[in-house]
Amino acid sequence: MVERRTVAPDVAGSTPVTHPTAGRVRRILDERGTLVFPGVYDTLSAKIAERAGFPLAFISGYAVSATLIGEPDMGLLTQTEIVERARQICGAVTIPIVVDADTGYGNALNVVRTVRGLLDAGAAGCFLEDQAWPKRCGHLRDKQVIAGEAWLQKIRAAVDTRGDRDFFIVARTDALAAVGLEEALARVEAARGAGADATFVEAPRSLDDLREIGRRAPRPTVANMVEQGRTPMLGRSELSALGFDLILYPVAGLYASAQALTAVYERLHDTGTTRGADRPIAFDRFNELIGVDETRALAARFEEPPGQGRRST
């Protein structure tokens, strides 16, 4: 069942507070203003995002579900799988990585375990949503949300588990589609008062929705730009003017990769060659991207001088 009760803020007025424990992401926002950043799903896509100059990236649950287990974003990806993917990606790049933690994979106790795992993995933060499990992609139909107070308990659990460590918590609600805009706005207001660092009303369906969210949701707030999704696609300057601070493109890289792979594989299958296909990345440039020279230099530090190896007897 969908909870239709409006959630009142648990702090009078719930004046937005900048939490010092959200340091890395907060500093980027302070330095750059409205920030556009991409979704990534493996170490290669994260390296490419970093090389392109993005100061921040987001591990998309939709993209990881598609690439790791080959399944849709409908509650099939597990907590251990997303934490392990976060560990791999955070270890491969130097930019902060925020992770899609879905619903926290259970109740408030599961949120505690999820946040602990992401902190250990080196993540800079997470998104935590209020969907009922099994969740589904925010731009799919038939979403349901849990009771508002149950979600706030998850937010509080995440904040408590973070403690004084650098971890940026984004409170995401899907209540706009499941209940309505007023409930969605009440929920993010309450979540900000409960200690979340940013707010995210998922899947606005119109420019009017975006205007209202940008005007009323506690800042910083997220705009989620999904190609061919439910939300109108606007540019950075337009969204900034509406009041959005974090502009996420969660699946742009995934869709581009899938399109490129489809084209080259179909050509190889149909013609027996890749000649005539779109020009791929150069061999040397790809080796530079994955750090071949650095790895060779590291290996050379530990190689034995010629003729110095021991003979077996």
C-alpha atoms as a PDB file:
ATOM      1  CA  MET A   1       0.000   0.000   0.000  1.00  0.00           C
ATOM      2  CA  VAL A   2       1.118   3.567  -0.654  1.00  0.00           C
ATOM      3  CA  GLU A   3       1.400   5.771   2.414  1.00  0.00           C
ATOM      4  CA  ARG A   4      -0.518   8.993   1.743  1.00  0.00           C
ATOM      5  CA  ARG A   5       0.175  10.783   5.000  1.00  0.00           C
ATOM      6  CA  THR A   6       1.974  14.113   4.745  1.00  0.00           C
ATOM      7  CA  VAL A   7       5.162  14.195   6.798  1.00  0.00           C
ATOM      8  CA  ALA A   8       5.764  17.292   8.889  1.00  0.00           C
ATOM      9  CA  PRO A   9       9.365  18.411   9.384  1.00  0.00           C
ATOM     10  CA  ASP A  10      10.775  17.029  12.616  1.00  0.00           C
ATOM     11  CA  VAL A  11      12.685  20.247  13.308  1.00  0.00           C
ATOM     12  CA  ALA A  12      10.786  23.497  13.638  1.00  0.00           C
ATOM     13  CA  GLY A  13      11.241  25.372  10.384  1.00  0.00           C
ATOM     14  CA  SER A  14      13.910  22.795   9.396  1.00  0.00           C
ATOM     15  CA  THR A  15      16.342  25.519   8.369  1.00  0.00           C
ATOM     16  CA  PRO A  16      18.898  23.928   6.000  1.00  0.00           C
ATOM     17  CA  VAL A  17      22.197  23.319   7.750  1.00  0.00           C
ATOM     18  CA  THR A  18      25.519  22.722   6.028  1.00  0.00           C
ATOM     19  CA  HIS A  19      27.002  19.617   7.593  1.00  0.00           C
ATOM     20  CA  PRO A  20      30.809  19.756   7.911  1.00  0.00           C
ATOM     21  CA  THR A  21      30.968  15.991   7.423  1.00  0.00           C
ATOM     22  CA  ALA A  22      29.937  16.398   3.776  1.00  0.00           C
ATOM     23  CA  GLY A  23      33.237  18.104   3.010  1.00  0.00           C
ATOM     24  CA  ARG A  24      34.431  16.959  -0.402  1.00  0.00           C
ATOM     25  CA  VAL A  25      31.139  17.348  -2.246  1.00  0.00           C
ATOM     26  CA  ARG A  26      30.239  20.536  -0.381  1.00  0.00           C
ATOM     27  CA  ARG A  27      33.613  22.099  -1.267  1.00  0.00           C
ATOM     28  CA  ILE A  28      33.087  21.314  -4.946  1.00  0.00           C
ATOM     29  CA  LEU A  29      29.674  22.970  -4.843  1.00  0.00           C
ATOM     30  CA  ASP A  30      31.078  26.008  -3.054  1.00  0.00           C
ATOM     31  CA  GLU A  31      33.869  26.350  -5.600  1.00  0.00           C
ATOM     32  CA  ARG A  32      31.928  25.647  -8.794  1.00  0.00           C
ATOM     33  CA  GLY A  33      28.312  26.542  -8.101  1.00  0.00           C
ATOM     34  CA  THR A  34      25.790  24.483 -10.049  1.00  0.00           C
ATOM     35  CA  LEU A  35      27.483  21.188 -10.848  1.00  0.00           C
ATOM     36  CA  VAL A  36      26.886  18.807 -13.765  1.00  0.00           C
ATOM     37  CA  PHE A  37      28.197  15.293 -13.152  1.00  0.00           C
ATOM     38  CA  PRO A  38      27.819  11.871 -14.802  1.00  0.00           C
ATOM     39  CA  GLY A  39      26.777   8.388 -13.808  1.00  0.00           C
ATOM     40  CA  VAL A  40      29.438   5.667 -13.993  1.00  0.00           C
ATOM     41  CA  TYR A  41      29.203   1.921 -13.602  1.00  0.00           C
ATOM     42  CA  ASP A  42      32.710   0.424 -13.635  1.00  0.00           C
ATOM     43  CA  THR A  43      36.314   1.471 -13.251  1.00  0.00           C
ATOM     44  CA  LEU A  44      36.768   2.285 -16.937  1.00  0.00           C
ATOM     45  CA  SER A  45      33.749   4.598 -17.125  1.00  0.00           C
ATOM     46  CA  ALA A  46      34.913   6.277 -13.900  1.00  0.00           C
ATOM     47  CA  LYS A  47      38.420   6.804 -15.291  1.00  0.00           C
ATOM     48  CA  ILE A  48      36.959   8.331 -18.440  1.00  0.00           C
ATOM     49  CA  ALA A  49      34.752  10.663 -16.372  1.00  0.00           C
ATOM     50  CA  GLU A  50      37.759  11.759 -14.343  1.00  0.00           C
ATOM     51  CA  ARG A  51      39.860  12.243 -17.487  1.00  0.00           C
ATOM     52  CA  ALA A  52      37.089  14.366 -19.019  1.00  0.00           C
ATOM     53  CA  GLY A  53      37.465  16.776 -16.103  1.00  0.00           C
ATOM     54  CA  PHE A  54      34.461  16.014 -13.903  1.00  0.00           C
ATOM     55  CA  PRO A  55      35.238  16.708 -10.238  1.00  0.00           C
ATOM     56  CA  LEU A  56      32.570  14.245  -9.055  1.00  0.00           C
ATOM     57  CA  ALA A  57      30.824  11.116 -10.349  1.00  0.00           C
ATOM     58  CA  PHE A  58      27.859   8.982  -9.345  1.00  0.00           C
ATOM     59  CA  ILE A  59      27.587   5.192  -9.356  1.00  0.00           C
ATOM     60  CA  SER A  60      24.205   4.550 -10.956  1.00  0.00           C
ATOM     61  CA  GLY A  61      22.321   1.531  -9.647  1.00  0.00           C
ATOM     62  CA  TYR A  62      20.450   1.348 -12.954  1.00  0.00           C
ATOM     63  CA  ALA A  63      23.733   1.185 -14.861  1.00  0.00           C
ATOM     64  CA  VAL A  64      25.418  -1.274 -12.483  1.00  0.00           C
ATOM     65  CA  SER A  65      22.374  -3.541 -12.583  1.00  0.00           C
ATOM     66  CA  ALA A  66      22.513  -3.529 -16.378  1.00  0.00           C
ATOM     67  CA  THR A  67      26.265  -4.090 -16.693  1.00  0.00           C
ATOM     68  CA  LEU A  68      27.036  -6.308 -13.697  1.00  0.00           C
ATOM     69  CA  ILE A  69      24.068  -8.691 -13.664  1.00  0.00           C
ATOM     70  CA  GLY A  70      22.401  -7.877 -16.991  1.00  0.00           C
ATOM     71  CA  GLU A  71      19.063  -7.132 -15.339  1.00  0.00           C
ATOM     72  CA  PRO A  72      16.737  -4.110 -15.112  1.00  0.00           C
ATOM     73  CA  ASP A  73      16.762  -1.750 -12.142  1.00  0.00           C
ATOM     74  CA  MET A  74      13.894  -3.480 -10.346  1.00  0.00           C
ATOM     75  CA  GLY A  75      15.352  -4.483  -6.989  1.00  0.00           C
ATOM     76  CA  LEU A  76      17.586  -7.281  -8.256  1.00  0.00           C
ATOM     77  CA  LEU A  77      20.950  -5.701  -7.466  1.00  0.00           C
ATOM     78  CA  THR A  78      22.122  -6.526  -3.943  1.00  0.00           C
ATOM     79  CA  GLN A  79      23.805  -4.495  -1.236  1.00  0.00           C
ATOM     80  CA  THR A  80      27.020  -6.484  -1.406  1.00  0.00           C
ATOM     81  CA  GLU A  81      27.208  -6.082  -5.186  1.00  0.00           C
ATOM     82  CA  ILE A  82      26.878  -2.281  -5.092  1.00  0.00           C
ATOM     83  CA  VAL A  83      29.357  -1.957  -2.210  1.00  0.00           C
ATOM     84  CA  GLU A  84      31.919  -4.093  -4.013  1.00  0.00           C
ATOM     85  CA  ARG A  85      31.483  -2.103  -7.230  1.00  0.00           C
ATOM     86  CA  ALA A  86      31.924   1.092  -5.202  1.00  0.00           C
ATOM     87  CA  ARG A  87      35.125  -0.302  -3.702  1.00  0.00           C
ATOM     88  CA  GLN A  88      36.524  -1.037  -7.162  1.00  0.00           C
ATOM     89  CA  ILE A  89      35.619   2.368  -8.591  1.00  0.00           C
ATOM     90  CA  CYS A  90      36.755   4.417  -5.585  1.00  0.00           C
ATOM     91  CA  GLY A  91      40.091   2.617  -5.701  1.00  0.00           C
ATOM     92  CA  ALA A  92      40.581   3.452  -9.380  1.00  0.00           C
ATOM     93  CA  VAL A  93      40.042   7.242  -9.357  1.00  0.00           C
ATOM     94  CA  THR A  94      40.861  10.228  -7.174  1.00  0.00           C
ATOM     95  CA  ILE A  95      37.620  12.192  -7.608  1.00  0.00           C
ATOM     96  CA  PRO A  96      34.830  11.786  -5.015  1.00  0.00           C
ATOM     97  CA  ILE A  97      32.259   9.106  -5.829  1.00  0.00           C
ATOM     98  CA  VAL A  98      28.647   9.244  -4.638  1.00  0.00           C
ATOM     99  CA  VAL A  99      26.784   5.935  -4.728  1.00  0.00           C
ATOM    100  CA  ASP A 100      23.189   4.996  -5.457  1.00  0.00           C
ATOM    101  CA  ALA A 101      22.274   3.094  -2.286  1.00  0.00           C
ATOM    102  CA  ASP A 102      18.668   2.513  -3.415  1.00  0.00           C
ATOM    103  CA  THR A 103      16.497   2.046  -0.298  1.00  0.00           C
ATOM    104  CA  GLY A 104      19.417   0.961   1.891  1.00  0.00           C
ATOM    105  CA  TYR A 105      18.409  -2.651   1.122  1.00  0.00           C
ATOM    106  CA  GLY A 106      15.988  -3.067   4.012  1.00  0.00           C
ATOM    107  CA  ASN A 107      15.123  -1.234   7.207  1.00  0.00           C
ATOM    108  CA  ALA A 108      17.193   1.232   9.233  1.00  0.00           C
ATOM    109  CA  LEU A 109      19.539  -1.533  10.407  1.00  0.00           C
ATOM    110  CA  ASN A 110      20.257  -2.454   6.801  1.00  0.00           C
ATOM    111  CA  VAL A 111      20.966   1.216   6.103  1.00  0.00           C
ATOM    112  CA  VAL A 112      23.550   1.176   8.887  1.00  0.00           C
ATOM    113  CA  ARG A 113      25.294  -1.781   7.265  1.00  0.00           C
ATOM    114  CA  THR A 114      25.080  -0.220   3.801  1.00  0.00           C
ATOM    115  CA  VAL A 115      26.570   3.104   4.906  1.00  0.00           C
ATOM    116  CA  ARG A 116      29.332   1.342   6.830  1.00  0.00           C
ATOM    117  CA  GLY A 117      30.180  -0.657   3.720  1.00  0.00           C
ATOM    118  CA  LEU A 118      30.236   2.433   1.505  1.00  0.00           C
ATOM    119  CA  LEU A 119      32.421   4.327   3.972  1.00  0.00           C
ATOM    120  CA  ASP A 120      34.852   1.407   4.054  1.00  0.00           C
ATOM    121  CA  ALA A 121      34.806   1.351   0.239  1.00  0.00           C
ATOM    122  CA  GLY A 122      35.907   4.996   0.111  1.00  0.00           C
ATOM    123  CA  ALA A 123      32.638   6.506  -1.151  1.00  0.00           C
ATOM    124  CA  ALA A 124      32.040  10.229  -0.683  1.00  0.00           C
ATOM    125  CA  GLY A 125      28.300   9.857  -0.167  1.00  0.00           C
ATOM    126  CA  CYS A 126      25.094   8.124  -1.196  1.00  0.00           C
ATOM    127  CA  PHE A 127      21.540   8.624  -2.398  1.00  0.00           C
ATOM    128  CA  LEU A 128      18.918   7.044  -0.126  1.00  0.00           C
ATOM    129  CA  GLU A 129      15.335   6.730  -1.372  1.00  0.00           C
ATOM    130  CA  ASP A 130      11.875   6.030   0.042  1.00  0.00           C
ATOM    131  CA  GLN A 131      10.552   3.427  -2.393  1.00  0.00           C
ATOM    132  CA  ALA A 132       8.977   0.210  -1.207  1.00  0.00           C
ATOM    133  CA  TRP A 133      11.045  -2.893  -1.990  1.00  0.00           C
ATOM    134  CA  PRO A 134      11.520  -4.176  -4.588  1.00  0.00           C
ATOM    135  CA  LYS A 135      12.332  -0.717  -5.878  1.00  0.00           C
ATOM    136  CA  ARG A 136      12.433   0.215  -9.544  1.00  0.00           C
ATOM    137  CA  CYS A 137      14.019   2.821 -11.732  1.00  0.00           C
ATOM    138  CA  GLY A 138      12.600   6.220 -10.862  1.00  0.00           C
ATOM    139  CA  HIS A 139      11.381   6.764 -14.424  1.00  0.00           C
ATOM    140  CA  LEU A 140       9.385   3.528 -14.587  1.00  0.00           C
ATOM    141  CA  ARG A 141       5.694   3.222 -13.751  1.00  0.00           C
ATOM    142  CA  ASP A 142       3.927   1.747 -10.710  1.00  0.00           C
ATOM    143  CA  LYS A 143       6.291   2.937  -7.981  1.00  0.00           C
ATOM    144  CA  GLN A 144       5.280   2.780  -4.331  1.00  0.00           C
ATOM    145  CA  VAL A 145       6.786   4.528  -1.316  1.00  0.00           C
ATOM    146  CA  ILE A 146       7.057   3.536   2.312  1.00  0.00           C
ATOM    147  CA  ALA A 147       5.623   5.557   5.190  1.00  0.00           C
ATOM    148  CA  GLY A 148       7.341   8.884   5.546  1.00  0.00           C
ATOM    149  CA  GLU A 149       8.456   8.295   9.124  1.00  0.00           C
ATOM    150  CA  ALA A 150      10.003   4.937   8.182  1.00  0.00           C
ATOM    151  CA  TRP A 151      12.072   6.696   5.516  1.00  0.00           C
ATOM    152  CA  LEU A 152      13.129   9.413   7.952  1.00  0.00           C
ATOM    153  CA  GLN A 153      14.357   6.692  10.296  1.00  0.00           C
ATOM    154  CA  LYS A 154      16.569   5.466   7.457  1.00  0.00           C
ATOM    155  CA  ILE A 155      17.905   8.983   6.911  1.00  0.00           C
ATOM    156  CA  ARG A 156      18.627   9.309  10.630  1.00  0.00           C
ATOM    157  CA  ALA A 157      20.351   5.909  10.603  1.00  0.00           C
ATOM    158  CA  ALA A 158      22.579   7.021   7.720  1.00  0.00           C
ATOM    159  CA  VAL A 159      23.425  10.319   9.454  1.00  0.00           C
ATOM    160  CA  ASP A 160      24.165   8.558  12.742  1.00  0.00           C
ATOM    161  CA  THR A 161      26.359   5.941  11.044  1.00  0.00           C
ATOM    162  CA  ARG A 162      28.314   8.615   9.206  1.00  0.00           C
ATOM    163  CA  GLY A 163      29.118  10.392  12.436  1.00  0.00           C
ATOM    164  CA  ASP A 164      31.832  12.980  11.818  1.00  0.00           C
ATOM    165  CA  ARG A 165      33.184  11.327   8.675  1.00  0.00           C
ATOM    166  CA  ASP A 166      33.092  12.924   5.215  1.00  0.00           C
ATOM    167  CA  PHE A 167      29.960  11.448   3.652  1.00  0.00           C
ATOM    168  CA  PHE A 168      27.349  13.395   1.646  1.00  0.00           C
ATOM    169  CA  ILE A 169      23.803  12.054   2.153  1.00  0.00           C
ATOM    170  CA  VAL A 170      21.203  12.836  -0.516  1.00  0.00           C
ATOM    171  CA  ALA A 171      17.585  12.231   0.493  1.00  0.00           C
ATOM    172  CA  ARG A 172      15.681  11.043  -2.578  1.00  0.00           C
ATOM    173  CA  THR A 173      11.903  10.718  -2.662  1.00  0.00           C
ATOM    174  CA  ASP A 174       9.745   9.023  -5.305  1.00  0.00           C
ATOM    175  CA  ALA A 175       6.572  10.304  -3.672  1.00  0.00           C
ATOM    176  CA  LEU A 176       5.775  12.717  -6.512  1.00  0.00           C
ATOM    177  CA  ALA A 177       4.661   9.845  -8.762  1.00  0.00           C
ATOM    178  CA  ALA A 178       3.334   7.624  -5.982  1.00  0.00           C
ATOM    179  CA  VAL A 179       1.429  10.249  -3.943  1.00  0.00           C
ATOM    180  CA  GLY A 180       1.887  13.796  -5.210  1.00  0.00           C
ATOM    181  CA  LEU A 181       4.128  16.854  -5.294  1.00  0.00           C
ATOM    182  CA  GLU A 182       3.098  18.265  -1.916  1.00  0.00           C
ATOM    183  CA  GLU A 183       3.948  15.004  -0.161  1.00  0.00           C
ATOM    184  CA  ALA A 184       7.286  14.822  -1.995  1.00  0.00           C
ATOM    185  CA  LEU A 185       8.202  18.345  -0.917  1.00  0.00           C
ATOM    186  CA  ALA A 186       7.131  17.675   2.685  1.00  0.00           C
ATOM    187  CA  ARG A 187       9.320  14.580   2.746  1.00  0.00           C
ATOM    188  CA  VAL A 188      12.481  16.257   1.517  1.00  0.00           C
ATOM    189  CA  GLU A 189      11.941  19.138   3.926  1.00  0.00           C
ATOM    190  CA  ALA A 190      11.706  16.662   6.795  1.00  0.00           C
ATOM    191  CA  ALA A 191      14.724  14.711   5.544  1.00  0.00           C
ATOM    192  CA  ARG A 192      16.828  17.871   5.466  1.00  0.00           C
ATOM    193  CA  GLY A 193      15.809  18.546   9.019  1.00  0.00           C
ATOM    194  CA  ALA A 194      16.811  14.973   9.927  1.00  0.00           C
ATOM    195  CA  GLY A 195      20.365  15.625   8.756  1.00  0.00           C
ATOM    196  CA  ALA A 196      20.459  14.887   5.018  1.00  0.00           C
ATOM    197  CA  ASP A 197      22.908  17.114   3.133  1.00  0.00           C
ATOM    198  CA  ALA A 198      20.904  17.469  -0.092  1.00  0.00           C
ATOM    199  CA  THR A 199      17.437  16.709  -1.442  1.00  0.00           C
ATOM    200  CA  PHE A 200      16.168  14.999  -4.575  1.00  0.00           C
ATOM    201  CA  VAL A 201      12.572  14.808  -5.791  1.00  0.00           C
ATOM    202  CA  GLU A 202      12.690  12.151  -8.500  1.00  0.00           C
ATOM    203  CA  ALA A 203      10.941  12.255 -11.889  1.00  0.00           C
ATOM    204  CA  PRO A 204       9.254  15.686 -12.171  1.00  0.00           C
ATOM    205  CA  ARG A 205       6.899  15.392 -15.130  1.00  0.00           C
ATOM    206  CA  SER A 206       6.731  18.994 -16.320  1.00  0.00           C
ATOM    207  CA  LEU A 207       8.450  22.336 -16.319  1.00  0.00           C
ATOM    208  CA  ASP A 208       5.949  23.485 -13.693  1.00  0.00           C
ATOM    209  CA  ASP A 209       7.019  20.586 -11.434  1.00  0.00           C
ATOM    210  CA  LEU A 210      10.665  21.553 -11.880  1.00  0.00           C
ATOM    211  CA  ARG A 211       9.918  25.193 -11.066  1.00  0.00           C
ATOM    212  CA  GLU A 212       8.057  24.272  -7.889  1.00  0.00           C
ATOM    213  CA  ILE A 213      10.741  21.833  -6.723  1.00  0.00           C
ATOM    214  CA  GLY A 214      13.535  24.288  -7.487  1.00  0.00           C
ATOM    215  CA  ARG A 215      11.703  26.990  -5.545  1.00  0.00           C
ATOM    216  CA  ARG A 216      10.650  24.965  -2.491  1.00  0.00           C
ATOM    217  CA  ALA A 217      12.949  21.968  -1.972  1.00  0.00           C
ATOM    218  CA  PRO A 218      15.759  22.561   0.555  1.00  0.00           C
ATOM    219  CA  ARG A 219      19.042  23.260  -1.201  1.00  0.00           C
ATOM    220  CA  PRO A 220      21.270  21.892  -2.448  1.00  0.00           C
ATOM    221  CA  THR A 221      18.868  19.882  -4.560  1.00  0.00           C
ATOM    222  CA  VAL A 222      19.283  17.407  -7.417  1.00  0.00           C
ATOM    223  CA  ALA A 223      17.913  17.466 -10.970  1.00  0.00           C
ATOM    224  CA  ASN A 224      18.059  14.042 -12.622  1.00  0.00           C
ATOM    225  CA  MET A 225      18.393  14.241 -16.405  1.00  0.00           C
ATOM    226  CA  VAL A 226      17.492  10.864 -17.931  1.00  0.00           C
ATOM    227  CA  GLU A 227      17.520  10.781 -21.722  1.00  0.00           C
ATOM    228  CA  GLN A 228      13.980   9.958 -22.942  1.00  0.00           C
ATOM    229  CA  GLY A 229      12.818   9.742 -19.331  1.00  0.00           C
ATOM    230  CA  ARG A 230       9.832  11.445 -17.679  1.00  0.00           C
ATOM    231  CA  THR A 231      11.530  14.750 -16.822  1.00  0.00           C
ATOM    232  CA  PRO A 232      11.996  17.567 -19.380  1.00  0.00           C
ATOM    233  CA  MET A 233      15.649  17.787 -20.436  1.00  0.00           C
ATOM    234  CA  LEU A 234      17.063  21.208 -19.578  1.00  0.00           C
ATOM    235  CA  GLY A 235      20.591  22.560 -19.654  1.00  0.00           C
ATOM    236  CA  ARG A 236      22.819  23.607 -16.775  1.00  0.00           C
ATOM    237  CA  SER A 237      22.002  27.311 -16.957  1.00  0.00           C
ATOM    238  CA  GLU A 238      18.243  26.681 -17.132  1.00  0.00           C
ATOM    239  CA  LEU A 239      18.263  24.311 -14.159  1.00  0.00           C
ATOM    240  CA  SER A 240      20.527  26.592 -12.174  1.00  0.00           C
ATOM    241  CA  ALA A 241      18.098  29.465 -12.728  1.00  0.00           C
ATOM    242  CA  LEU A 242      15.280  27.249 -11.437  1.00  0.00           C
ATOM    243  CA  GLY A 243      17.209  26.582  -8.215  1.00  0.00           C
ATOM    244  CA  PHE A 244      18.945  23.242  -8.818  1.00  0.00           C
ATOM    245  CA  ASP A 245      22.528  22.748  -7.664  1.00  0.00           C
ATOM    246  CA  LEU A 246      23.453  19.152  -8.583  1.00  0.00           C
ATOM    247  CA  ILE A 247      22.587  18.123 -12.133  1.00  0.00           C
ATOM    248  CA  LEU A 248      23.022  14.403 -12.659  1.00  0.00           C
ATOM    249  CA  TYR A 249      23.180  12.561 -15.981  1.00  0.00           C
ATOM    250  CA  PRO A 250      23.049   8.998 -14.599  1.00  0.00           C
ATOM    251  CA  VAL A 251      22.853   6.932 -17.797  1.00  0.00           C
ATOM    252  CA  ALA A 252      24.340   9.112 -20.559  1.00  0.00           C
ATOM    253  CA  GLY A 253      27.571   7.099 -20.596  1.00  0.00           C
ATOM    254  CA  LEU A 254      25.762   3.768 -20.346  1.00  0.00           C
ATOM    255  CA  TYR A 255      23.510   4.517 -23.308  1.00  0.00           C
ATOM    256  CA  ALA A 256      26.411   5.855 -25.380  1.00  0.00           C
ATOM    257  CA  SER A 257      28.465   2.735 -24.630  1.00  0.00           C
ATOM    258  CA  ALA A 258      25.577   0.409 -25.469  1.00  0.00           C
ATOM    259  CA  GLN A 259      24.978   2.234 -28.753  1.00  0.00           C
ATOM    260  CA  ALA A 260      28.662   2.092 -29.731  1.00  0.00           C
ATOM    261  CA  LEU A 261      28.972  -1.603 -28.842  1.00  0.00           C
ATOM    262  CA  THR A 262      25.806  -2.457 -30.735  1.00  0.00           C
ATOM    263  CA  ALA A 263      27.027  -0.695 -33.869  1.00  0.00           C
ATOM    264  CA  VAL A 264      30.511  -2.237 -33.926  1.00  0.00           C
ATOM    265  CA  TYR A 265      29.378  -5.756 -32.990  1.00  0.00           C
ATOM    266  CA  GLU A 266      26.611  -5.750 -35.588  1.00  0.00           C
ATOM    267  CA  ARG A 267      29.058  -4.589 -38.250  1.00  0.00           C
ATOM    268  CA  LEU A 268      31.599  -7.243 -37.253  1.00  0.00           C
ATOM    269  CA  HIS A 269      28.917  -9.931 -37.343  1.00  0.00           C
ATOM    270  CA  ASP A 270      27.430  -8.828 -40.659  1.00  0.00           C
ATOM    271  CA  THR A 271      30.643  -8.074 -42.582  1.00  0.00           C
ATOM    272  CA  GLY A 272      33.393 -10.000 -40.793  1.00  0.00           C
ATOM    273  CA  THR A 273      35.389  -6.821 -40.185  1.00  0.00           C
ATOM    274  CA  THR A 274      35.249  -3.574 -38.212  1.00  0.00           C
ATOM    275  CA  ARG A 275      36.454  -1.560 -41.209  1.00  0.00           C
ATOM    276  CA  GLY A 276      34.035   1.258 -41.961  1.00  0.00           C
ATOM    277  CA  ALA A 277      32.695   1.410 -38.419  1.00  0.00           C
ATOM    278  CA  ASP A 278      32.950   4.591 -36.384  1.00  0.00           C
ATOM    279  CA  ARG A 279      36.567   5.232 -35.518  1.00  0.00           C
ATOM    280  CA  PRO A 280      37.408   3.601 -32.169  1.00  0.00           C
ATOM    281  CA  ILE A 281      39.674   5.053 -29.532  1.00  0.00           C
ATOM    282  CA  ALA A 282      43.344   4.767 -30.521  1.00  0.00           C
ATOM    283  CA  PHE A 283      45.403   1.911 -29.052  1.00  0.00           C
ATOM    284  CA  ASP A 284      47.963   4.255 -27.485  1.00  0.00           C
ATOM    285  CA  ARG A 285      45.313   6.562 -26.054  1.00  0.00           C
ATOM    286  CA  PHE A 286      43.446   3.656 -24.475  1.00  0.00           C
ATOM    287  CA  ASN A 287      46.664   2.326 -22.936  1.00  0.00           C
ATOM    288  CA  GLU A 288      47.318   5.779 -21.516  1.00  0.00           C
ATOM    289  CA  LEU A 289      43.816   5.855 -20.070  1.00  0.00           C
ATOM    290  CA  ILE A 290      44.234   2.585 -18.183  1.00  0.00           C
ATOM    291  CA  GLY A 291      47.749   3.488 -17.012  1.00  0.00           C
ATOM    292  CA  VAL A 292      49.995   1.110 -18.938  1.00  0.00           C
ATOM    293  CA  ASP A 293      53.108   3.296 -18.559  1.00  0.00           C
ATOM    294  CA  GLU A 294      52.549   3.780 -14.832  1.00  0.00           C
ATOM    295  CA  THR A 295      52.113   0.044 -14.309  1.00  0.00           C
ATOM    296  CA  ARG A 296      55.265  -0.706 -16.294  1.00  0.00           C
ATOM    297  CA  ALA A 297      57.194   1.802 -14.194  1.00  0.00           C
ATOM    298  CA  LEU A 298      55.903   0.200 -11.013  1.00  0.00           C
ATOM    299  CA  ALA A 299      56.841  -3.272 -12.239  1.00  0.00           C
ATOM    300  CA  ALA A 300      60.330  -2.079 -13.137  1.00  0.00           C
ATOM    301  CA  ARG A 301      60.966  -1.056  -9.527  1.00  0.00           C
ATOM    302  CA  PHE A 302      60.721  -4.671  -8.434  1.00  0.00           C
ATOM    303  CA  GLU A 303      62.356  -6.479 -11.352  1.00  0.00           C
ATOM    304  CA  GLU A 304      65.603  -8.310 -10.618  1.00  0.00           C
ATOM    305  CA  PRO A 305      68.674  -7.072 -12.507  1.00  0.00           C
ATOM    306  CA  PRO A 306      69.660  -9.357 -15.419  1.00  0.00           C
ATOM    307  CA  GLY A 307      71.657 -12.361 -14.282  1.00  0.00           C
ATOM    308  CA  GLN A 308      70.860 -11.843 -10.593  1.00  0.00           C
ATOM    309  CA  GLY A 309      68.177 -14.487 -10.253  1.00  0.00           C
ATOM    310  CA  ARG A 310      68.910 -17.552  -8.119  1.00  0.00           C
ATOM    311  CA  ARG A 311      69.412 -20.892  -9.736  1.00  0.00           C
ATOM    312  CA  SER A 312      67.339 -23.754  -8.471  1.00  0.00           C
ATOM    313  CA  THR A 313      69.285 -26.751  -7.190  1.00  0.00           C
END
